[in-house]
C-alpha atoms as a PDB file:
ATOM      1  CA  MET A   1      -9.701 -23.120  -9.940  1.00  0.00           C
ATOM      2  CA  ASP A   2      -6.009 -23.942 -10.283  1.00  0.00           C
ATOM      3  CA  ILE A   3      -4.487 -21.200  -8.110  1.00  0.00           C
ATOM      4  CA  LEU A   4      -0.884 -22.147  -8.899  1.00  0.00           C
ATOM      5  CA  LYS A   5      -1.499 -22.166 -12.656  1.00  0.00           C
ATOM      6  CA  LEU A   6      -3.042 -18.686 -12.640  1.00  0.00           C
ATOM      7  CA  SER A   7      -0.279 -17.402 -10.351  1.00  0.00           C
ATOM      8  CA  LYS A   8       2.358 -18.564 -12.831  1.00  0.00           C
ATOM      9  CA  GLU A   9       0.476 -17.012 -15.739  1.00  0.00           C
ATOM     10  CA  LEU A  10       0.273 -13.664 -13.964  1.00  0.00           C
ATOM     11  CA  ILE A  11       3.971 -13.724 -13.025  1.00  0.00           C
ATOM     12  CA  ALA A  12       4.824 -14.308 -16.697  1.00  0.00           C
ATOM     13  CA  THR A  13       2.728 -11.293 -17.724  1.00  0.00           C
ATOM     14  CA  LYS A  14       4.630  -8.005 -17.781  1.00  0.00           C
ATOM     15  CA  SER A  15       1.683  -5.620 -18.248  1.00  0.00           C
ATOM     16  CA  ALA A  16      -0.725  -4.757 -15.436  1.00  0.00           C
ATOM     17  CA  ASN A  17      -3.572  -4.301 -17.926  1.00  0.00           C
ATOM     18  CA  ALA A  18      -2.829  -7.688 -19.485  1.00  0.00           C
ATOM     19  CA  CYS A  19      -2.899  -9.217 -15.994  1.00  0.00           C
ATOM     20  CA  LEU A  20      -6.254  -7.563 -15.399  1.00  0.00           C
ATOM     21  CA  LYS A  21      -7.648  -9.130 -18.577  1.00  0.00           C
ATOM     22  CA  LYS A  22      -6.406 -12.594 -17.573  1.00  0.00           C
ATOM     23  CA  CYS A  23      -8.026 -12.179 -14.180  1.00  0.00           C
ATOM     24  CA  GLU A  24     -11.303 -11.025 -15.681  1.00  0.00           C
ATOM     25  CA  LYS A  25     -11.443 -14.175 -17.788  1.00  0.00           C
ATOM     26  CA  ALA A  26     -10.876 -16.275 -14.663  1.00  0.00           C
ATOM     27  CA  ILE A  27     -13.638 -14.576 -12.655  1.00  0.00           C
ATOM     28  CA  GLU A  28     -16.957 -16.384 -12.735  1.00  0.00           C
ATOM     29  CA  ALA A  29     -19.274 -13.442 -12.223  1.00  0.00           C
ATOM     30  CA  ALA A  30     -22.179 -12.127 -14.212  1.00  0.00           C
ATOM     31  CA  ASN A  31     -21.534  -8.602 -13.018  1.00  0.00           C
ATOM     32  CA  ILE A  32     -18.120  -7.074 -13.629  1.00  0.00           C
ATOM     33  CA  GLU A  33     -17.888  -3.297 -13.735  1.00  0.00           C
ATOM     34  CA  HIS A  34     -14.992  -1.507 -15.374  1.00  0.00           C
ATOM     35  CA  PHE A  35     -13.464   1.654 -13.943  1.00  0.00           C
ATOM     36  CA  GLU A  36     -10.873   3.925 -15.502  1.00  0.00           C
ATOM     37  CA  ARG A  37      -9.374   7.208 -14.379  1.00  0.00           C
ATOM     38  CA  SER A  38      -6.302   8.881 -15.860  1.00  0.00           C
ATOM     39  CA  ASN A  39      -5.770   5.771 -18.016  1.00  0.00           C
ATOM     40  CA  VAL A  40      -5.628   3.535 -14.922  1.00  0.00           C
ATOM     41  CA  LYS A  41      -7.951   0.549 -15.198  1.00  0.00           C
ATOM     42  CA  GLY A  42      -9.717  -1.463 -12.529  1.00  0.00           C
ATOM     43  CA  ILE A  43     -12.655  -3.813 -12.148  1.00  0.00           C
ATOM     44  CA  LEU A  44     -15.288  -4.591  -9.541  1.00  0.00           C
ATOM     45  CA  ALA A  45     -16.877  -8.039  -9.681  1.00  0.00           C
ATOM     46  CA  SER A  46     -19.847  -8.762  -7.435  1.00  0.00           C
ATOM     47  CA  ASN A  47     -22.692 -11.133  -6.716  1.00  0.00           C
ATOM     48  CA  ARG A  48     -25.140  -8.262  -6.990  1.00  0.00           C
ATOM     49  CA  PRO A  49     -26.504  -6.304  -9.997  1.00  0.00           C
ATOM     50  CA  SER A  50     -24.193  -3.912 -11.805  1.00  0.00           C
ATOM     51  CA  GLY A  51     -24.198  -0.507 -10.141  1.00  0.00           C
ATOM     52  CA  THR A  52     -24.289  -1.867  -6.589  1.00  0.00           C
ATOM     53  CA  ARG A  53     -22.042   0.281  -4.426  1.00  0.00           C
ATOM     54  CA  LYS A  54     -22.529  -1.027  -0.890  1.00  0.00           C
ATOM     55  CA  PHE A  55     -21.108  -4.412   0.077  1.00  0.00           C
ATOM     56  CA  LYS A  56     -20.653  -6.317   3.284  1.00  0.00           C
ATOM     57  CA  ILE A  57     -17.162  -7.565   2.299  1.00  0.00           C
ATOM     58  CA  ILE A  58     -14.763  -6.429  -0.409  1.00  0.00           C
ATOM     59  CA  LEU A  59     -11.738  -8.529  -1.373  1.00  0.00           C
ATOM     60  CA  ASN A  60      -9.115  -6.092  -2.672  1.00  0.00           C
ATOM     61  CA  GLY A  61      -6.073  -6.908  -4.794  1.00  0.00           C
ATOM     62  CA  HIS A  62      -3.630  -5.083  -7.037  1.00  0.00           C
ATOM     63  CA  LEU A  63      -1.906  -6.159 -10.238  1.00  0.00           C
ATOM     64  CA  ASP A  64       0.535  -3.348 -11.003  1.00  0.00           C
ATOM     65  CA  ILE A  65       4.076  -4.521 -11.469  1.00  0.00           C
ATOM     66  CA  VAL A  66       7.371  -3.163 -10.198  1.00  0.00           C
ATOM     67  CA  ALA A  67       9.958  -3.213 -12.985  1.00  0.00           C
ATOM     68  CA  GLY A  68      12.167  -6.288 -12.968  1.00  0.00           C
ATOM     69  CA  LYS A  69      14.783  -8.212 -14.894  1.00  0.00           C
ATOM     70  CA  PRO A  70      13.606 -10.375 -17.832  1.00  0.00           C
ATOM     71  CA  ASN A  71      14.274 -13.624 -15.977  1.00  0.00           C
ATOM     72  CA  GLN A  72      12.031 -12.509 -13.100  1.00  0.00           C
ATOM     73  CA  PHE A  73       9.018 -12.819 -15.389  1.00  0.00           C
ATOM     74  CA  LYS A  74       9.717 -16.519 -15.823  1.00  0.00           C
ATOM     75  CA  PRO A  75       8.065 -18.306 -12.881  1.00  0.00           C
ATOM     76  CA  VAL A  76      10.309 -20.853 -11.206  1.00  0.00           C
ATOM     77  CA  ILE A  77       9.320 -23.497  -8.645  1.00  0.00           C
ATOM     78  CA  LYS A  78      11.927 -24.700  -6.163  1.00  0.00           C
ATOM     79  CA  GLY A  79      10.542 -26.944  -3.478  1.00  0.00           C
ATOM     80  CA  ASP A  80       7.568 -25.198  -1.897  1.00  0.00           C
ATOM     81  CA  LYS A  81       8.461 -21.785  -3.280  1.00  0.00           C
ATOM     82  CA  LEU A  82       7.202 -20.044  -6.413  1.00  0.00           C
ATOM     83  CA  TYR A  83       9.686 -17.388  -7.518  1.00  0.00           C
ATOM     84  CA  GLY A  84       9.023 -14.471  -9.845  1.00  0.00           C
ATOM     85  CA  ARG A  85       8.189 -10.791 -10.081  1.00  0.00           C
ATOM     86  CA  GLY A  86       5.001 -10.136  -8.164  1.00  0.00           C
ATOM     87  CA  ALA A  87       4.816 -13.647  -6.683  1.00  0.00           C
ATOM     88  CA  THR A  88       4.258 -12.314  -3.179  1.00  0.00           C
ATOM     89  CA  ASP A  89       3.235  -8.753  -4.062  1.00  0.00           C
ATOM     90  CA  MET A  90       0.666  -9.807  -4.991  1.00  0.00           C
ATOM     91  CA  LYS A  91      -0.173 -11.919  -8.052  1.00  0.00           C
ATOM     92  CA  ALA A  92      -0.497 -15.201  -6.161  1.00  0.00           C
ATOM     93  CA  GLY A  93      -2.677 -13.458  -3.602  1.00  0.00           C
ATOM     94  CA  VAL A  94      -4.946 -12.187  -6.382  1.00  0.00           C
ATOM     95  CA  ALA A  95      -5.217 -15.718  -7.800  1.00  0.00           C
ATOM     96  CA  CYS A  96      -6.387 -16.854  -4.358  1.00  0.00           C
ATOM     97  CA  LEU A  97      -8.930 -14.044  -4.107  1.00  0.00           C
ATOM     98  CA  ILE A  98     -10.396 -15.015  -7.485  1.00  0.00           C
ATOM     99  CA  ASP A  99     -10.680 -18.654  -6.403  1.00  0.00           C
ATOM    100  CA  VAL A 100     -12.401 -17.610  -3.167  1.00  0.00           C
ATOM    101  CA  PHE A 101     -14.811 -15.266  -4.913  1.00  0.00           C
ATOM    102  CA  ASN A 102     -15.719 -17.845  -7.565  1.00  0.00           C
ATOM    103  CA  GLU A 103     -16.580 -20.493  -5.002  1.00  0.00           C
ATOM    104  CA  VAL A 104     -18.306 -18.380  -2.364  1.00  0.00           C
ATOM    105  CA  GLN A 105     -20.191 -15.707  -4.296  1.00  0.00           C
ATOM    106  CA  GLY A 106     -23.277 -17.898  -4.779  1.00  0.00           C
ATOM    107  CA  LYS A 107     -23.209 -19.402  -1.301  1.00  0.00           C
ATOM    108  CA  VAL A 108     -23.432 -16.228   0.777  1.00  0.00           C
ATOM    109  CA  ASN A 109     -26.587 -14.170   1.192  1.00  0.00           C
ATOM    110  CA  PHE A 110     -24.852 -10.819   1.424  1.00  0.00           C
ATOM    111  CA  PRO A 111     -23.301  -8.439  -1.134  1.00  0.00           C
ATOM    112  CA  LEU A 112     -19.722  -9.567  -1.854  1.00  0.00           C
ATOM    113  CA  ALA A 113     -17.250  -7.905  -4.200  1.00  0.00           C
ATOM    114  CA  LEU A 114     -13.833  -8.587  -5.668  1.00  0.00           C
ATOM    115  CA  GLN A 115     -11.926  -5.386  -6.452  1.00  0.00           C
ATOM    116  CA  LEU A 116      -8.827  -5.534  -8.670  1.00  0.00           C
ATOM    117  CA  VAL A 117      -6.775  -2.419  -9.431  1.00  0.00           C
ATOM    118  CA  THR A 118      -3.553  -1.554 -11.235  1.00  0.00           C
ATOM    119  CA  ASP A 119      -1.899   1.358  -9.427  1.00  0.00           C
ATOM    120  CA  GLU A 120      -1.466   0.432  -5.745  1.00  0.00           C
ATOM    121  CA  GLU A 121       2.324   0.617  -5.973  1.00  0.00           C
ATOM    122  CA  VAL A 122       2.122   4.313  -6.875  1.00  0.00           C
ATOM    123  CA  GLY A 123      -0.524   5.266  -4.320  1.00  0.00           C
ATOM    124  CA  GLY A 124      -3.785   3.829  -5.655  1.00  0.00           C
ATOM    125  CA  PHE A 125      -5.203   7.280  -6.385  1.00  0.00           C
ATOM    126  CA  ASN A 126      -6.738   6.267  -9.721  1.00  0.00           C
ATOM    127  CA  GLY A 127      -7.524   2.665  -8.822  1.00  0.00           C
ATOM    128  CA  THR A 128      -9.050   1.953  -5.434  1.00  0.00           C
ATOM    129  CA  LEU A 129      -9.576   5.644  -4.660  1.00  0.00           C
ATOM    130  CA  ALA A 130     -11.397   6.134  -7.980  1.00  0.00           C
ATOM    131  CA  GLN A 131     -13.851   3.418  -6.970  1.00  0.00           C
ATOM    132  CA  VAL A 132     -14.204   4.881  -3.478  1.00  0.00           C
ATOM    133  CA  ASP A 133     -14.877   8.276  -5.074  1.00  0.00           C
ATOM    134  CA  ALA A 134     -17.556   6.573  -7.182  1.00  0.00           C
ATOM    135  CA  GLY A 135     -19.301   5.505  -3.967  1.00  0.00           C
ATOM    136  CA  VAL A 136     -17.974   1.976  -3.461  1.00  0.00           C
ATOM    137  CA  ARG A 137     -18.242   1.071   0.228  1.00  0.00           C
ATOM    138  CA  ALA A 138     -18.132  -2.001   2.463  1.00  0.00           C
ATOM    139  CA  ASP A 139     -18.562  -3.015   6.064  1.00  0.00           C
ATOM    140  CA  PHE A 140     -15.084  -4.567   5.888  1.00  0.00           C
ATOM    141  CA  VAL A 141     -12.255  -4.794   3.343  1.00  0.00           C
ATOM    142  CA  ILE A 142      -9.555  -7.449   3.078  1.00  0.00           C
ATOM    143  CA  ALA A 143      -6.465  -6.446   1.094  1.00  0.00           C
ATOM    144  CA  GLY A 144      -4.772  -9.679   0.040  1.00  0.00           C
ATOM    145  CA  GLU A 145      -1.192  -8.591   0.622  1.00  0.00           C
ATOM    146  CA  SER A 146       1.217 -11.316   1.737  1.00  0.00           C
ATOM    147  CA  THR A 147       1.354 -11.075   5.534  1.00  0.00           C
ATOM    148  CA  ASP A 148       2.420 -14.618   6.510  1.00  0.00           C
ATOM    149  CA  PHE A 149      -1.127 -15.039   7.867  1.00  0.00           C
ATOM    150  CA  ASP A 150      -0.635 -12.152  10.298  1.00  0.00           C
ATOM    151  CA  LEU A 151      -3.549  -9.760  10.724  1.00  0.00           C
ATOM    152  CA  VAL A 152      -2.125  -6.389   9.719  1.00  0.00           C
ATOM    153  CA  ASN A 153      -4.789  -4.186  11.237  1.00  0.00           C
ATOM    154  CA  ARG A 154      -2.659  -1.050  11.397  1.00  0.00           C
ATOM    155  CA  ALA A 155      -0.620   0.794   8.769  1.00  0.00           C
ATOM    156  CA  ARG A 156       1.321   4.010   8.865  1.00  0.00           C
ATOM    157  CA  GLY A 157       0.008   7.017   7.036  1.00  0.00           C
ATOM    158  CA  VAL A 158       2.011   9.009   4.483  1.00  0.00           C
ATOM    159  CA  LEU A 159       2.778  12.707   4.470  1.00  0.00           C
ATOM    160  CA  GLN A 160       4.851  14.036   1.595  1.00  0.00           C
ATOM    161  CA  ALA A 161       5.909  17.630   2.036  1.00  0.00           C
ATOM    162  CA  ARG A 162       8.156  20.227   0.416  1.00  0.00           C
ATOM    163  CA  ILE A 163       9.897  22.942   2.392  1.00  0.00           C
ATOM    164  CA  ASP A 164      11.318  25.974   0.604  1.00  0.00           C
ATOM    165  CA  PHE A 165      14.077  27.917   2.346  1.00  0.00           C
ATOM    166  CA  THR A 166      14.847  31.592   1.628  1.00  0.00           C
ATOM    167  CA  GLY A 167      18.280  33.090   2.203  1.00  0.00           C
ATOM    168  CA  LYS A 168      20.350  35.927   0.781  1.00  0.00           C
ATOM    169  CA  SER A 169      22.799  35.626  -2.088  1.00  0.00           C
ATOM    170  CA  ALA A 170      26.327  36.992  -1.991  1.00  0.00           C
ATOM    171  CA  HIS A 171      29.759  36.207  -3.384  1.00  0.00           C
ATOM    172  CA  GLY A 172      31.066  32.895  -2.037  1.00  0.00           C
ATOM    173  CA  ALA A 173      34.196  34.627  -0.761  1.00  0.00           C
ATOM    174  CA  TYR A 174      32.118  36.771   1.600  1.00  0.00           C
ATOM    175  CA  PRO A 175      29.845  34.388   3.579  1.00  0.00           C
ATOM    176  CA  ALA A 176      29.143  37.044   6.222  1.00  0.00           C
ATOM    177  CA  ARG A 177      27.323  39.069   3.585  1.00  0.00           C
ATOM    178  CA  GLY A 178      24.843  36.309   2.682  1.00  0.00           C
ATOM    179  CA  ASN A 179      22.514  33.778   4.205  1.00  0.00           C
ATOM    180  CA  ASN A 180      23.054  30.292   2.780  1.00  0.00           C
ATOM    181  CA  ALA A 181      19.677  28.605   2.118  1.00  0.00           C
ATOM    182  CA  VAL A 182      21.294  25.187   1.591  1.00  0.00           C
ATOM    183  CA  LEU A 183      22.806  25.393   5.070  1.00  0.00           C
ATOM    184  CA  GLN A 184      19.380  26.286   6.427  1.00  0.00           C
ATOM    185  CA  ALA A 185      18.030  23.065   4.903  1.00  0.00           C
ATOM    186  CA  THR A 186      20.814  20.914   6.337  1.00  0.00           C
ATOM    187  CA  ARG A 187      20.466  22.452   9.800  1.00  0.00           C
ATOM    188  CA  PHE A 188      16.731  21.851   9.632  1.00  0.00           C
ATOM    189  CA  LEU A 189      17.377  18.177   8.832  1.00  0.00           C
ATOM    190  CA  ALA A 190      19.752  17.896  11.777  1.00  0.00           C
ATOM    191  CA  ASP A 191      17.096  19.352  14.087  1.00  0.00           C
ATOM    192  CA  LEU A 192      14.446  17.024  12.635  1.00  0.00           C
ATOM    193  CA  GLU A 193      16.635  13.970  13.221  1.00  0.00           C
ATOM    194  CA  LYS A 194      17.032  14.969  16.859  1.00  0.00           C
ATOM    195  CA  LEU A 195      13.256  14.872  17.216  1.00  0.00           C
ATOM    196  CA  TYR A 196      12.834  11.708  15.136  1.00  0.00           C
ATOM    197  CA  PRO A 197      16.066   9.672  15.263  1.00  0.00           C
ATOM    198  CA  LEU A 198      16.409   7.234  12.388  1.00  0.00           C
ATOM    199  CA  PRO A 199      15.774   3.698  13.712  1.00  0.00           C
ATOM    200  CA  LYS A 200      18.458   1.048  13.306  1.00  0.00           C
ATOM    201  CA  THR A 201      15.860  -1.698  12.866  1.00  0.00           C
ATOM    202  CA  ASP A 202      12.356  -1.831  11.388  1.00  0.00           C
ATOM    203  CA  GLN A 203       9.977  -0.360  13.943  1.00  0.00           C
ATOM    204  CA  TYR A 204       6.340   0.656  13.924  1.00  0.00           C
ATOM    205  CA  ILE A 205       7.034   4.285  14.779  1.00  0.00           C
ATOM    206  CA  THR A 206       6.833   7.634  13.006  1.00  0.00           C
ATOM    207  CA  THR A 207       9.825   8.161  10.712  1.00  0.00           C
ATOM    208  CA  PHE A 208      10.965  10.514   7.965  1.00  0.00           C
ATOM    209  CA  ASN A 209      13.021  10.218   4.811  1.00  0.00           C
ATOM    210  CA  ALA A 210      14.835  13.162   3.212  1.00  0.00           C
ATOM    211  CA  ALA A 211      13.942  12.299  -0.370  1.00  0.00           C
ATOM    212  CA  LYS A 212      15.260  15.346  -2.255  1.00  0.00           C
ATOM    213  CA  ILE A 213      17.333  18.443  -1.582  1.00  0.00           C
ATOM    214  CA  GLY A 214      18.265  21.107  -4.097  1.00  0.00           C
ATOM    215  CA  THR A 215      18.724  24.722  -5.078  1.00  0.00           C
ATOM    216  CA  SER A 216      18.355  26.790  -8.220  1.00  0.00           C
ATOM    217  CA  ASN A 217      21.908  28.062  -7.725  1.00  0.00           C
ATOM    218  CA  GLN A 218      24.203  26.859 -10.542  1.00  0.00           C
ATOM    219  CA  THR A 219      27.336  28.832  -9.605  1.00  0.00           C
ATOM    220  CA  THR A 220      29.986  27.549  -7.218  1.00  0.00           C
ATOM    221  CA  ASN A 221      31.174  30.992  -6.084  1.00  0.00           C
ATOM    222  CA  LYS A 222      27.724  32.239  -5.118  1.00  0.00           C
ATOM    223  CA  ILE A 223      25.889  31.787  -1.825  1.00  0.00           C
ATOM    224  CA  PRO A 224      22.517  30.187  -2.687  1.00  0.00           C
ATOM    225  CA  SER A 225      19.521  32.311  -1.781  1.00  0.00           C
ATOM    226  CA  ASP A 226      17.056  29.437  -2.129  1.00  0.00           C
ATOM    227  CA  ALA A 227      16.873  25.754  -1.377  1.00  0.00           C
ATOM    228  CA  PHE A 228      14.190  23.104  -1.157  1.00  0.00           C
ATOM    229  CA  LEU A 229      13.742  19.871   0.668  1.00  0.00           C
ATOM    230  CA  VAL A 230      11.213  17.087   0.012  1.00  0.00           C
ATOM    231  CA  LEU A 231      10.271  14.829   2.920  1.00  0.00           C
ATOM    232  CA  ASP A 232       8.502  11.476   2.934  1.00  0.00           C
ATOM    233  CA  ILE A 233       7.018  11.023   6.410  1.00  0.00           C
ATOM    234  CA  ARG A 234       5.472   7.743   7.590  1.00  0.00           C
ATOM    235  CA  TYR A 235       3.384   8.297  10.697  1.00  0.00           C
ATOM    236  CA  ILE A 236       1.474   6.100  13.106  1.00  0.00           C
ATOM    237  CA  ALA A 237      -2.106   6.865  14.103  1.00  0.00           C
ATOM    238  CA  GLY A 238      -2.383   9.970  16.260  1.00  0.00           C
ATOM    239  CA  ASP A 239       1.018  11.392  15.330  1.00  0.00           C
ATOM    240  CA  LEU A 240       0.213  13.525  12.281  1.00  0.00           C
ATOM    241  CA  ASP A 241      -0.804  16.780  13.974  1.00  0.00           C
ATOM    242  CA  LYS A 242       2.153  16.532  16.372  1.00  0.00           C
ATOM    243  CA  PHE A 243       4.577  15.989  13.488  1.00  0.00           C
ATOM    244  CA  LYS A 244       3.224  18.997  11.576  1.00  0.00           C
ATOM    245  CA  ALA A 245       3.537  21.130  14.707  1.00  0.00           C
ATOM    246  CA  ASN A 246       7.143  20.013  15.172  1.00  0.00           C
ATOM    247  CA  LEU A 247       7.960  20.906  11.572  1.00  0.00           C
ATOM    248  CA  ASN A 248       6.653  24.422  12.093  1.00  0.00           C
ATOM    249  CA  LYS A 249       8.645  24.803  15.324  1.00  0.00           C
ATOM    250  CA  ILE A 250      12.027  24.051  13.735  1.00  0.00           C
ATOM    251  CA  MET A 251      11.513  25.672  10.325  1.00  0.00           C
ATOM    252  CA  PRO A 252      13.350  28.988   9.751  1.00  0.00           C
ATOM    253  CA  SER A 253      11.100  32.046   9.826  1.00  0.00           C
ATOM    254  CA  LYS A 254      11.076  32.695   6.063  1.00  0.00           C
ATOM    255  CA  SER A 255      10.664  29.072   4.990  1.00  0.00           C
ATOM    256  CA  LYS A 256       7.447  27.700   3.477  1.00  0.00           C
ATOM    257  CA  LEU A 257       5.826  24.309   3.984  1.00  0.00           C
ATOM    258  CA  THR A 258       3.753  22.760   1.166  1.00  0.00           C
ATOM    259  CA  ILE A 259       1.876  19.492   1.630  1.00  0.00           C
ATOM    260  CA  LEU A 260       2.274  17.423  -1.535  1.00  0.00           C
ATOM    261  CA  GLU A 261       0.324  14.327  -0.519  1.00  0.00           C
ATOM    262  CA  GLU A 262      -1.431  13.080   2.584  1.00  0.00           C
ATOM    263  CA  VAL A 263      -2.624   9.503   3.079  1.00  0.00           C
ATOM    264  CA  PRO A 264      -4.316   8.575   6.366  1.00  0.00           C
ATOM    265  CA  SER A 265      -3.036   5.895   8.701  1.00  0.00           C
ATOM    266  CA  VAL A 266      -5.044   2.700   9.138  1.00  0.00           C
ATOM    267  CA  ASN A 267      -6.130   1.495  12.553  1.00  0.00           C
ATOM    268  CA  THR A 268      -8.806  -1.206  12.707  1.00  0.00           C
ATOM    269  CA  PRO A 269      -9.520  -2.233  16.323  1.00  0.00           C
ATOM    270  CA  LEU A 270      -9.031  -5.901  17.177  1.00  0.00           C
ATOM    271  CA  THR A 271     -12.556  -5.785  18.583  1.00  0.00           C
ATOM    272  CA  ASN A 272     -13.994  -5.294  15.074  1.00  0.00           C
ATOM    273  CA  PRO A 273     -16.487  -8.188  14.622  1.00  0.00           C
ATOM    274  CA  TYR A 274     -15.240  -9.087  11.129  1.00  0.00           C
ATOM    275  CA  LEU A 275     -11.626  -9.028  12.261  1.00  0.00           C
ATOM    276  CA  LYS A 276     -12.551 -11.341  15.134  1.00  0.00           C
ATOM    277  CA  LYS A 277     -14.256 -13.764  12.725  1.00  0.00           C
ATOM    278  CA  LEU A 278     -11.208 -13.715  10.444  1.00  0.00           C
ATOM    279  CA  ALA A 279      -8.965 -14.405  13.429  1.00  0.00           C
ATOM    280  CA  SER A 280     -11.171 -17.358  14.391  1.00  0.00           C
ATOM    281  CA  ALA A 281     -11.064 -18.810  10.871  1.00  0.00           C
ATOM    282  CA  THR A 282      -7.272 -18.439  10.847  1.00  0.00           C
ATOM    283  CA  SER A 283      -6.983 -20.130  14.237  1.00  0.00           C
ATOM    284  CA  ARG A 284      -9.057 -23.073  13.035  1.00  0.00           C
ATOM    285  CA  ALA A 285      -6.803 -23.538  10.002  1.00  0.00           C
ATOM    286  CA  LEU A 286      -3.428 -23.005  11.667  1.00  0.00           C
ATOM    287  CA  GLY A 287      -4.138 -24.407  15.106  1.00  0.00           C
ATOM    288  CA  GLN A 288      -3.082 -21.220  16.856  1.00  0.00           C
ATOM    289  CA  PRO A 289      -4.245 -17.588  17.044  1.00  0.00           C
ATOM    290  CA  PRO A 290      -2.803 -15.276  14.376  1.00  0.00           C
ATOM    291  CA  THR A 291      -0.463 -12.424  15.248  1.00  0.00           C
ATOM    292  CA  SER A 292      -1.677  -8.866  14.789  1.00  0.00           C
ATOM    293  CA  ARG A 293       0.768  -6.125  13.821  1.00  0.00           C
ATOM    294  CA  GLY A 294       1.243  -2.835  12.033  1.00  0.00           C
ATOM    295  CA  ALA A 295       2.558  -2.372   8.498  1.00  0.00           C
ATOM    296  CA  LEU A 296       5.436   0.012   7.886  1.00  0.00           C
ATOM    297  CA  GLY A 297       4.267   0.746   4.352  1.00  0.00           C
ATOM    298  CA  ALA A 298       0.914   2.046   3.163  1.00  0.00           C
ATOM    299  CA  SER A 299      -1.762   0.102   1.262  1.00  0.00           C
ATOM    300  CA  ASP A 300      -5.017   0.833  -0.529  1.00  0.00           C
ATOM    301  CA  LEU A 301      -6.845   0.343   2.769  1.00  0.00           C
ATOM    302  CA  ALA A 302      -5.937   3.965   3.483  1.00  0.00           C
ATOM    303  CA  HIS A 303      -8.439   5.123   0.859  1.00  0.00           C
ATOM    304  CA  TYR A 304     -11.202   3.273   2.674  1.00  0.00           C
ATOM    305  CA  GLN A 305     -10.027   4.756   5.966  1.00  0.00           C
ATOM    306  CA  LYS A 306     -10.882   8.170   4.534  1.00  0.00           C
ATOM    307  CA  VAL A 307     -14.550   7.153   4.394  1.00  0.00           C
ATOM    308  CA  ASN A 308     -14.498   5.263   7.719  1.00  0.00           C
ATOM    309  CA  VAL A 309     -14.489   1.767   6.211  1.00  0.00           C
ATOM    310  CA  PRO A 310     -12.403  -0.632   8.338  1.00  0.00           C
ATOM    311  CA  GLY A 311     -10.136  -3.270   6.864  1.00  0.00           C
ATOM    312  CA  VAL A 312      -7.103  -5.496   7.251  1.00  0.00           C
ATOM    313  CA  GLU A 313      -4.161  -6.693   5.207  1.00  0.00           C
ATOM    314  CA  PHE A 314      -4.167 -10.482   5.257  1.00  0.00           C
ATOM    315  CA  GLY A 315      -2.447 -12.895   2.930  1.00  0.00           C
ATOM    316  CA  PRO A 316      -0.243 -15.937   2.303  1.00  0.00           C
ATOM    317  CA  ILE A 317       3.389 -16.549   3.202  1.00  0.00           C
ATOM    318  CA  GLY A 318       6.040 -14.915   1.034  1.00  0.00           C
ATOM    319  CA  SER A 319       9.118 -12.722   1.021  1.00  0.00           C
ATOM    320  CA  GLY A 320      11.393 -10.558  -1.088  1.00  0.00           C
ATOM    321  CA  ALA A 321       8.794  -8.196  -2.549  1.00  0.00           C
ATOM    322  CA  HIS A 322      10.314  -6.032  -5.301  1.00  0.00           C
ATOM    323  CA  GLY A 323      13.617  -7.908  -4.943  1.00  0.00           C
ATOM    324  CA  ASP A 324      15.570 -10.398  -7.028  1.00  0.00           C
ATOM    325  CA  THR A 325      14.456 -13.412  -4.976  1.00  0.00           C
ATOM    326  CA  GLU A 326      10.766 -12.659  -4.527  1.00  0.00           C
ATOM    327  CA  TYR A 327       8.717 -15.764  -3.753  1.00  0.00           C
ATOM    328  CA  VAL A 328       5.493 -17.080  -2.278  1.00  0.00           C
ATOM    329  CA  GLU A 329       5.114 -20.385  -0.457  1.00  0.00           C
ATOM    330  CA  ILE A 330       2.926 -22.617  -2.617  1.00  0.00           C
ATOM    331  CA  SER A 331       1.445 -24.586   0.290  1.00  0.00           C
ATOM    332  CA  SER A 332       0.228 -21.361   1.879  1.00  0.00           C
ATOM    333  CA  LEU A 333      -1.969 -20.485  -1.117  1.00  0.00           C
ATOM    334  CA  ASP A 334      -4.570 -23.219  -0.594  1.00  0.00           C
ATOM    335  CA  ASN A 335      -4.474 -22.543   3.149  1.00  0.00           C
ATOM    336  CA  TYR A 336      -5.111 -18.860   2.512  1.00  0.00           C
ATOM    337  CA  ALA A 337      -8.021 -19.533   0.180  1.00  0.00           C
ATOM    338  CA  SER A 338      -9.520 -22.011   2.659  1.00  0.00           C
ATOM    339  CA  ILE A 339      -9.312 -19.499   5.508  1.00  0.00           C
ATOM    340  CA  LEU A 340     -11.087 -16.821   3.482  1.00  0.00           C
ATOM    341  CA  LYS A 341     -13.812 -19.228   2.409  1.00  0.00           C
ATOM    342  CA  ASP A 342     -14.342 -20.316   6.017  1.00  0.00           C
ATOM    343  CA  PHE A 343     -14.462 -16.655   7.095  1.00  0.00           C
ATOM    344  CA  LEU A 344     -16.971 -15.610   4.444  1.00  0.00           C
ATOM    345  CA  LEU A 345     -19.241 -18.583   5.045  1.00  0.00           C
ATOM    346  CA  SER A 346     -19.218 -17.856   8.795  1.00  0.00           C
ATOM    347  CA  ILE A 347     -20.793 -14.424   8.334  1.00  0.00           C
END
């Protein structure tokens, strides 16, 4: 299959569902199942009969698209770089996964699946998670995110929470008579930053983002009796319970904590036999052992973590995801596909 050609076609396609259709046409599989939940579409192609739910390896990719400028949907090649919206995140990676699946599916004697979804960028709750909820499982999952051939075996979990603060209203001219809920929220944030200082560089540590702050108060001369704060917490494995405990310690007595969303962290040991085989295949191709590291952002691997299925993010070389200069290195695409084929045939 012409990986570069399909990559360019997908970059030029502005609709995730249209991308999914193009990919389905490119997949050489007799068995392709369609999934849909809350109008989110996904497919599962496999070398086993339709309805199979347990696989040895699943190749996972996403096709949803972050909004971009019109010119970003016109693929451009400059030297060894293919520019365009989704080039590195992760249309070119999906093209590679299709090529790998097409070539290897009939050569391996184990259940192999290619999973393509369309909502990873917004959490994957109706894409990958819908398939997991339908019983899809594997011994090992590879999410084809661009990682520069690093083995991303860890990823931070996500905790989104809302805290409501309760004060006492009064006339703004008489602050001693009230209890300002907005000030409670800002003092809470100051205390939280003391516990979790904001890093000055990207680090694989637990961090928080104050995403929203507000109050129902619409009058300038009134002390607000209520306020709310929405936090986006990214935590490393083992830190979640400690973070929740710290929140409760510094919250004012009448405040209320509501968990909006919770996504588990990913932590696949380097001793995992499939991860070791993937590392060996990468070493053979690149002439040196790959680097392992943690991802600051979450991926659909988290949904497999919930059901104790290990996995790794592993993909070609690229940069600028979601930005104006997003690109993938063309030469890395064939290398990536070759590594995956070597890995699958070694099992």
